[in-house]
Amino acid sequence: MPQCIIMIRYLTKRFIKDSENVSDRTVRQDYCIFGGILGAVCNLFLFVLKLVIGAMMNSIAVTSDAFNNLSDMGSCLVAIIGAKMSTRLPDREHPFGHGRIEYISSLIVSFIILLVGFELLRSSADKMLHPEDMNLSIVMIIILIASLSVKLFMYYCYSYIARKIGSTVMKATAKDSINDVISTSAVILSAIAGYFLPFSIDGIAGVVVAAYIMYGGIDLAKETIDILLGQPPSEEVTDMLKGILLGKEDIIGIHDLIVHDYGPGRVFASVHAEVADDSDIIHIHEIIDDAEHEILNETGIQTVIHMDPVSVNDEHVNEIKRAVTECIGSIDSSAAIHDFRITDGQNHINVIFDIVIKSTHDPSEIKRIVGKITEGIKAMDNRYYPVITVDEFFNE
């Protein structure tokens, strides 16, 4: 709907000062408040409209859909409050800021959806046990169909804001809006079908709508809880960080990239950068310092880069590393090693390295793979004694 997007762009430019500067906390907050107020007004209108129609039609399905709109209005208010609170600056008790309040707001929205869905499921089940005839009206059906256009407009509005500022709350409300379009459509179809059938399917439709609402609430809760528990960074973010780091002079490779999300605009990362062990330490420090500033300027991510010296000019070490890499690749092609070094001796050579096994997170399977790698390395030369540290894999 290009007309919707044009209207939304006009409205945001009209009511949000400096609307294109989405990296600014105040602008981002204003987008969320704008979307929340617009959604609250639209949902209140739809709630009253559908509540009246539901009473006139004696339809529990329409009434169920009305209360779904009421829950959406509450969700909009939660989004507004969350947006205001999440932009508060860091303080002594919360040194990483309050950005995760936005995620908590999304979780509250999901609980509201689940509560309303449960109540509607209960009332719809009662309607199935004690069915009543519906009072079908063409005018009422037309009004319900017209309400779909309001929800579609809200969906496009929320989607636009979610993409513009990267908001989880707006993304959740957009998803909820399109779910409402589907549920209202189901109500309309059940009302029309019930007119031609010898029995009422209103209660059944109400159960279906309630179940769909609850499914959306569970899905939203799971998505939000995953964020709060901690998720791997997106491929886009990792590719961007790798591109900047590996594009720097004298950085040979990177590993142990970890991204911590404390809410929009409060993202931190740590990574190990491999450099030649015979490099000028002052020069390397300048390169790493420059990389940290470039990442901050281009992505807004505050990064701590740990320098890992690796041997690149010792052919003896490189030869053992190549052999060990080939051995590991034959056992598990997904595995990657770093921090490779040896302590050389005449009859005993410690082969020391860290390994990341990407193919599984099962501890017993990881232990089995490491055991096979240990056996494989020892079989290469009976002087080799593998000292292997298994790293957690945070990027997938």
Foldseek 3Di string as FASTA:
>chain_A
DVVLVVVLVVVLPVQQPPCLPLLDLRNLLSLLLVLLVLLLVLLVVQLVLLCVLCVQFVFLLSNLLSVLSVLLNVLSVLSNVLSVQQSDAADPVRNLGRQLSLLVSLLVSLVSLQVSLVVLLVVLVVCVVVPDGTDDDPVSLVVLVVSLVSLVSSLVSLVVSCVSNVGLSSVLSSVSSVLSSVLSVLQSVQSVVQVVDPGHCSSVSSNVSSVSSNVSSVVSNVVSVPVVVPAADDPVLVVVLQVLQVVFPQFPHKDPWGWRDSHRLRIEIEIETEGAPPDDPVVVVVRVVVSQVVCCVPPVYRYDYHYQHDHDPDVVQVVLVVVLLVLLCVLAVQKDKDSWDWDDDDQAIETEIEMEHPPDPDPVVVVVSVVSSQVSSCVVDVRYGYDYHYDYDRHD
